[in-house]
């Protein structure tokens, strides 16, 4: 009877040796293993993060702090592999996790998702991060600004935000005579040989004022099925995803809002990427957009494999899988 009394109030029915009463219960409670492991796995909107529990609970009274200190593990949602699941933006959560590590806000130089990240910070109840994200920024959000308003970037390429033709910078307008040429225009319109080269240009313009030349590669992985002995109707192309490789500014110019940048959201316009893909699955739609922007196909390549739908009965349907790339150029 004494043993039953000593074990009645302890987790898992375990007990220490010897004594009963309050002293025994206190020592057992202090030795109780933590409810959550030291290393936790999070599935946030399909993106998997592995971090320490002390990181996610570093901000008291936040949503994550309450989840991992005030709730039981079995009360939290989990995915099929046992990871704790949060139905939020998985790509933006990396900035939330970075903030929780050292309570510092460090964002890329060109970060267009500031308002969305602020919304995520509000959801996770991080008031200091919300305040920092809401503070005025210099320069404001938008496409990456050029190194100077003369339209020249660090790498010597042409910038996005340019002065209208005939306008000088504010500090240069003061004291300038009505007929004096603007130093800005003089710099932008001077060719390497010293002659006049024309007005300021955007990244998609060439020196003669036409659209800027460049290459864009379209890739896709698709499959189709041919029926038994090729007698049945074939189930033709199924395109999983259309990828876009090339200069960021050209890709955004051609595809606009149909371009999914979530896998490479912070890429400056003059850099190259191979991680963009399109929000639609019709190759012809991509070809139309490229044609409308002045691109034409210059090369393509494809590779394919064949497999049987059933490994035991090779008279069944044959499944063909292929990967194809199309190279487009604008001169």
Protein backbone atom coordinates (compact mmCIF):
# COMPACT_ATOMS: atom_id res chain seq x y z
CA UNK A 1 0.00 0.00 0.00
CA UNK A 2 2.91 2.33 0.68
CA UNK A 3 4.32 1.61 -2.79
CA UNK A 4 1.04 2.45 -4.47
CA UNK A 5 0.85 5.74 -2.61
CA UNK A 6 4.37 6.73 -3.64
CA UNK A 7 3.82 6.08 -7.36
CA UNK A 8 0.29 7.36 -7.76
CA UNK A 9 1.17 10.96 -8.69
CA UNK A 10 4.29 10.41 -10.79
CA UNK A 11 4.43 10.54 -14.61
CA UNK A 12 4.42 7.16 -16.41
CA UNK A 13 3.83 5.45 -13.06
CA UNK A 14 7.57 5.63 -12.31
CA UNK A 15 8.94 6.22 -8.87
CA UNK A 16 12.13 6.71 -6.99
CA UNK A 17 13.26 4.28 -4.43
CA UNK A 18 12.52 4.22 -0.78
CA UNK A 19 10.49 7.03 0.63
CA UNK A 20 7.04 8.34 0.00
CA UNK A 21 5.62 11.82 0.45
CA UNK A 22 6.51 15.25 -0.88
CA UNK A 23 10.28 14.86 -0.87
CA UNK A 24 10.11 11.85 -3.14
CA UNK A 25 7.74 13.52 -5.59
CA UNK A 26 9.97 16.58 -5.89
CA UNK A 27 13.10 14.59 -6.70
CA UNK A 28 11.27 12.54 -9.34
CA UNK A 29 9.85 15.69 -10.94
CA UNK A 30 13.28 17.25 -11.26
CA UNK A 31 14.57 14.14 -13.00
CA UNK A 32 11.64 14.03 -15.43
CA UNK A 33 12.83 14.11 -19.09
CA UNK A 34 11.80 17.17 -21.14
CA UNK A 35 8.60 16.92 -23.15
CA UNK A 36 10.28 18.15 -26.36
CA UNK A 37 13.65 17.03 -27.74
CA UNK A 38 16.55 19.44 -27.83
CA UNK A 39 16.57 19.27 -31.65
CA UNK A 40 13.18 19.88 -33.26
CA UNK A 41 12.10 19.41 -36.87
CA UNK A 42 9.58 21.85 -38.31
CA UNK A 43 7.60 21.54 -41.53
CA UNK A 44 6.56 25.07 -42.45
CA UNK A 45 4.40 25.12 -45.56
CA UNK A 46 6.32 22.19 -47.02
CA UNK A 47 9.78 23.53 -46.15
CA UNK A 48 11.66 21.52 -43.53
CA UNK A 49 13.72 23.28 -40.85
CA UNK A 50 15.84 21.64 -38.17
CA UNK A 51 16.79 23.79 -35.19
CA UNK A 52 17.24 23.72 -31.44
CA UNK A 53 14.27 24.03 -29.13
CA UNK A 54 15.95 26.91 -27.28
CA UNK A 55 15.91 28.86 -30.56
CA UNK A 56 12.18 28.62 -31.17
CA UNK A 57 11.41 29.58 -27.55
CA UNK A 58 13.88 32.49 -27.44
CA UNK A 59 11.11 35.15 -27.47
CA UNK A 60 8.79 34.76 -24.46
CA UNK A 61 5.04 34.92 -25.05
CA UNK A 62 5.45 34.42 -28.79
CA UNK A 63 3.41 31.80 -30.64
CA UNK A 64 6.34 29.39 -30.91
CA UNK A 65 7.24 29.92 -27.25
CA UNK A 66 3.72 28.93 -26.19
CA UNK A 67 3.71 25.94 -28.54
CA UNK A 68 6.95 24.48 -27.20
CA UNK A 69 6.61 25.40 -23.52
CA UNK A 70 2.90 25.51 -22.68
CA UNK A 71 1.58 22.64 -24.81
CA UNK A 72 2.14 18.91 -24.94
CA UNK A 73 3.81 17.39 -28.03
CA UNK A 74 0.71 15.35 -28.82
CA UNK A 75 -1.35 18.56 -28.96
CA UNK A 76 0.64 19.97 -31.89
CA UNK A 77 -0.04 19.20 -35.54
CA UNK A 78 2.46 16.90 -37.25
CA UNK A 79 3.11 15.80 -40.80
CA UNK A 80 3.36 12.19 -42.00
CA UNK A 81 6.99 11.95 -40.83
CA UNK A 82 6.32 13.26 -37.33
CA UNK A 83 7.63 16.80 -37.86
CA UNK A 84 5.77 19.67 -36.18
CA UNK A 85 3.67 21.31 -38.88
CA UNK A 86 2.95 25.02 -39.38
CA UNK A 87 0.72 26.10 -42.25
CA UNK A 88 2.64 29.29 -43.08
CA UNK A 89 4.98 30.60 -45.79
CA UNK A 90 7.92 28.21 -45.73
CA UNK A 91 10.29 30.47 -47.65
CA UNK A 92 9.78 33.51 -45.43
CA UNK A 93 10.10 31.43 -42.27
CA UNK A 94 13.87 31.30 -42.74
CA UNK A 95 14.00 35.01 -41.87
CA UNK A 96 11.81 34.40 -38.81
CA UNK A 97 14.19 31.65 -37.70
CA UNK A 98 17.24 33.83 -38.33
CA UNK A 99 15.71 36.51 -36.11
CA UNK A 100 14.99 33.99 -33.33
CA UNK A 101 18.63 32.86 -33.30
CA UNK A 102 20.17 36.18 -32.28
CA UNK A 103 17.24 38.66 -32.28
CA UNK A 104 18.82 40.60 -35.14
CA UNK A 105 17.05 41.56 -38.38
CA UNK A 106 19.28 40.93 -41.38
CA UNK A 107 17.64 41.00 -44.81
CA UNK A 108 19.11 40.86 -48.33
CA UNK A 109 19.94 44.14 -50.06
CA UNK A 110 17.05 43.76 -52.49
CA UNK A 111 14.12 42.32 -50.56
CA UNK A 112 10.66 42.84 -52.10
CA UNK A 113 8.80 40.69 -49.55
CA UNK A 114 9.05 43.05 -46.57
CA UNK A 115 5.31 43.53 -46.10
CA UNK A 116 4.67 39.79 -46.33
CA UNK A 117 7.42 39.10 -43.80
CA UNK A 118 5.85 41.66 -41.47
CA UNK A 119 2.58 39.77 -41.73
CA UNK A 120 4.38 36.53 -40.81
CA UNK A 121 5.99 38.26 -37.82
CA UNK A 122 2.54 39.38 -36.66
CA UNK A 123 1.27 35.82 -36.93
CA UNK A 124 4.15 34.47 -34.85
CA UNK A 125 3.59 37.31 -32.34
CA UNK A 126 7.03 38.87 -32.53
CA UNK A 127 6.28 42.55 -31.76
CA UNK A 128 9.87 43.78 -31.93
CA UNK A 129 10.37 42.23 -35.36
CA UNK A 130 7.06 43.74 -36.52
CA UNK A 131 8.26 47.15 -35.33
CA UNK A 132 11.58 46.86 -37.14
CA UNK A 133 9.94 45.73 -40.37
CA UNK A 134 7.49 48.62 -40.18
CA UNK A 135 10.20 51.26 -39.76
CA UNK A 136 10.84 53.52 -42.81
CA UNK A 137 13.56 52.18 -45.04
CA UNK A 138 16.09 53.98 -47.20
CA UNK A 139 15.80 53.30 -50.05
CA UNK A 140 12.22 52.10 -50.16
CA UNK A 141 11.13 48.65 -51.33
CA UNK A 142 11.16 47.94 -55.00
CA UNK A 143 13.60 46.87 -57.67
CA UNK A 144 17.27 47.25 -56.77
CA UNK A 145 18.40 50.84 -57.23
CA UNK A 146 21.41 51.64 -59.39
CA UNK A 147 24.68 52.71 -57.80
CA UNK A 148 23.99 56.26 -58.93
CA UNK A 149 21.19 58.02 -60.76
CA UNK A 150 23.35 58.13 -63.82
CA UNK A 151 22.15 54.61 -64.58
CA UNK A 152 25.40 52.74 -63.98
CA UNK A 153 25.61 49.76 -61.62
CA UNK A 154 28.71 48.42 -59.87
CA UNK A 155 29.41 45.89 -62.59
CA UNK A 156 29.17 48.60 -65.23
CA UNK A 157 25.76 47.42 -66.41
CA UNK A 158 22.80 49.69 -66.96
CA UNK A 159 20.41 50.39 -64.08
CA UNK A 160 16.62 50.31 -63.84
CA UNK A 161 15.78 53.74 -62.43
CA UNK A 162 16.95 56.43 -64.81
CA UNK A 163 16.37 60.15 -65.13
CA UNK A 164 14.09 61.30 -67.95
CA UNK A 165 15.87 62.72 -70.96
CA UNK A 166 16.70 66.36 -70.34
CA UNK A 167 16.57 66.15 -66.53
CA UNK A 168 19.56 66.59 -64.26
CA UNK A 169 20.03 65.53 -60.68
CA UNK A 170 18.61 68.01 -58.16
CA UNK A 171 21.99 69.11 -56.87
CA UNK A 172 23.15 69.71 -60.43
CA UNK A 173 20.07 71.72 -61.43
CA UNK A 174 20.85 74.45 -58.92
CA UNK A 175 23.02 77.09 -60.49
CA UNK A 176 23.03 75.43 -63.90
CA UNK A 177 22.45 77.70 -66.85
CA UNK A 178 19.48 77.11 -69.13
CA UNK A 179 21.58 76.11 -72.10
CA UNK A 180 24.33 74.14 -70.31
CA UNK A 181 24.33 70.40 -70.89
CA UNK A 182 23.65 68.19 -67.89
CA UNK A 183 26.68 66.24 -66.58
CA UNK A 184 24.33 63.27 -66.13
CA UNK A 185 23.26 63.30 -69.74
CA UNK A 186 26.78 63.97 -70.87
CA UNK A 187 28.02 60.87 -69.05
CA UNK A 188 25.17 58.63 -70.17
CA UNK A 189 25.24 59.75 -73.80
CA UNK A 190 29.00 59.49 -74.29
CA UNK A 191 30.26 56.38 -76.06
CA UNK A 192 33.64 54.80 -75.29
CA UNK A 193 35.07 56.53 -78.36
CA UNK A 194 33.96 59.93 -77.09
CA UNK A 195 31.01 60.46 -79.43
CA UNK A 196 27.31 60.76 -78.65
CA UNK A 197 25.62 57.45 -77.99
CA UNK A 198 22.01 58.37 -77.25
CA UNK A 199 19.70 58.68 -74.20
CA UNK A 200 19.80 56.70 -70.98
CA UNK A 201 18.84 53.05 -71.23
CA UNK A 202 16.96 50.44 -69.22
CA UNK A 203 18.31 46.91 -68.62
CA UNK A 204 16.22 45.59 -71.52
CA UNK A 205 17.53 48.18 -74.01
CA UNK A 206 20.61 48.12 -76.17
CA UNK A 207 22.73 51.12 -77.12
CA UNK A 208 20.68 51.82 -80.25
CA UNK A 209 17.51 52.20 -78.19
CA UNK A 210 16.07 48.79 -79.07
CA UNK A 211 15.40 46.04 -76.57
CA UNK A 212 18.48 44.53 -75.00
CA UNK A 213 19.83 41.30 -76.42
CA UNK A 214 20.18 38.14 -74.38
CA UNK A 215 19.36 34.45 -74.02
CA UNK A 216 16.62 32.63 -72.11
CA UNK A 217 16.52 28.84 -71.73
CA UNK A 218 13.18 27.10 -71.22
CA UNK A 219 13.27 23.57 -69.78
CA UNK A 220 10.60 21.05 -68.96
CA UNK A 221 10.29 17.47 -67.82
CA UNK A 222 7.31 15.65 -69.25
CA UNK A 223 5.93 12.16 -69.80
CA UNK A 224 3.48 10.32 -71.99
CA UNK A 225 2.13 6.79 -72.17
CA UNK A 226 1.69 4.62 -75.25
CA UNK A 227 -0.93 1.91 -74.90
CA UNK A 228 -0.37 -1.81 -75.33
CA UNK A 229 1.11 -2.57 -78.78
CA UNK A 230 0.47 1.07 -79.67
CA UNK A 231 -3.16 0.20 -80.37
CA UNK A 232 -4.73 2.31 -77.64
CA UNK A 233 -4.76 6.07 -77.67
CA UNK A 234 -1.60 7.60 -76.27
CA UNK A 235 -1.84 9.75 -73.17
CA UNK A 236 0.30 12.59 -74.34
CA UNK A 237 2.53 15.09 -72.66
CA UNK A 238 2.18 15.82 -68.98
CA UNK A 239 4.38 18.74 -68.06
CA UNK A 240 5.34 18.84 -64.39
CA UNK A 241 7.04 22.24 -64.38
CA UNK A 242 8.50 24.70 -66.90
CA UNK A 243 11.79 26.16 -65.71
CA UNK A 244 13.34 29.46 -66.79
CA UNK A 245 17.11 30.08 -66.87
CA UNK A 246 18.80 33.35 -67.76
CA UNK A 247 19.25 36.93 -66.63
CA UNK A 248 16.73 37.97 -64.00
CA UNK A 249 15.76 41.24 -65.69
CA UNK A 250 15.06 39.52 -69.01
CA UNK A 251 12.99 36.77 -67.38
CA UNK A 252 10.85 39.30 -65.50
CA UNK A 253 10.42 41.44 -68.61
CA UNK A 254 9.17 38.51 -70.69
CA UNK A 255 7.03 36.58 -68.20
CA UNK A 256 5.98 39.25 -65.67
CA UNK A 257 3.49 37.99 -63.09
CA UNK A 258 3.49 34.48 -64.56
CA UNK A 259 7.06 33.98 -63.28
CA UNK A 260 7.37 32.16 -59.96
CA UNK A 261 10.37 33.58 -58.08
CA UNK A 262 9.80 31.78 -54.77
CA UNK A 263 12.88 29.54 -55.14
CA UNK A 264 15.19 32.52 -55.75
CA UNK A 265 13.37 35.63 -54.42
CA UNK A 266 16.34 37.93 -53.77
CA UNK A 267 18.17 37.78 -57.08
CA UNK A 268 19.27 41.25 -58.38
CA UNK A 269 18.18 42.05 -61.98
CA UNK A 270 21.66 41.88 -63.49
CA UNK A 271 22.42 38.43 -62.04
CA UNK A 272 21.62 35.07 -63.63
CA UNK A 273 19.39 32.36 -62.19
CA UNK A 274 18.33 28.82 -63.01
CA UNK A 275 15.71 28.49 -60.26
CA UNK A 276 12.70 30.33 -61.72
CA UNK A 277 9.72 28.46 -63.08
CA UNK A 278 6.41 29.42 -64.65
CA UNK A 279 2.99 29.38 -63.03
CA UNK A 280 1.44 27.62 -66.03
CA UNK A 281 2.13 24.28 -67.71
CA UNK A 282 1.64 25.10 -71.40
CA UNK A 283 4.84 25.30 -73.41
CA UNK A 284 3.08 27.16 -76.22
CA UNK A 285 2.08 29.90 -73.78
CA UNK A 286 5.73 30.37 -72.87
CA UNK A 287 6.69 30.39 -76.56
CA UNK A 288 4.05 33.06 -77.28
CA UNK A 289 5.39 35.33 -74.58
CA UNK A 290 8.96 34.93 -75.83
CA UNK A 291 7.87 35.63 -79.40
CA UNK A 292 5.95 38.74 -78.37
CA UNK A 293 9.13 40.01 -76.66
CA UNK A 294 11.23 39.55 -79.78
CA UNK A 295 12.92 36.23 -78.95
CA UNK A 296 13.37 33.40 -81.43
CA UNK A 297 14.47 29.81 -80.88
CA UNK A 298 18.09 29.06 -81.77
CA UNK A 299 18.62 25.57 -80.32
CA UNK A 300 16.94 22.73 -78.46
CA UNK A 301 17.95 19.39 -76.99
CA UNK A 302 16.08 16.50 -75.46
CA UNK A 303 16.72 13.22 -73.71
CA UNK A 304 14.26 10.48 -72.86
CA UNK A 305 13.85 7.15 -71.14
CA UNK A 306 11.30 4.38 -71.43
CA UNK A 307 9.90 2.15 -68.73
CA UNK A 308 7.07 -0.35 -68.47
CA UNK A 309 4.13 0.47 -66.24
CA UNK A 310 4.40 -3.00 -64.72
CA UNK A 311 7.73 -4.63 -63.92
CA UNK A 312 6.18 -8.11 -64.19
CA UNK A 313 4.15 -7.76 -67.38
CA UNK A 314 6.18 -5.97 -70.05
CA UNK A 315 3.31 -6.13 -72.50
CA UNK A 316 1.58 -3.41 -70.54
CA UNK A 317 1.75 0.32 -71.24
CA UNK A 318 5.10 1.94 -71.91
CA UNK A 319 5.80 5.18 -70.06
CA UNK A 320 8.19 7.63 -71.73
CA UNK A 321 9.84 10.36 -69.69
CA UNK A 322 11.81 13.16 -71.28
CA UNK A 323 13.66 16.35 -70.40
CA UNK A 324 13.84 19.06 -73.05
CA UNK A 325 15.49 22.49 -73.19
CA UNK A 326 14.80 25.26 -75.69
CA UNK A 327 17.24 28.14 -76.10
CA UNK A 328 15.79 31.50 -77.18
CA UNK A 329 17.76 34.54 -78.27
CA UNK A 330 16.97 38.22 -78.82
CA UNK A 331 19.58 40.05 -80.83
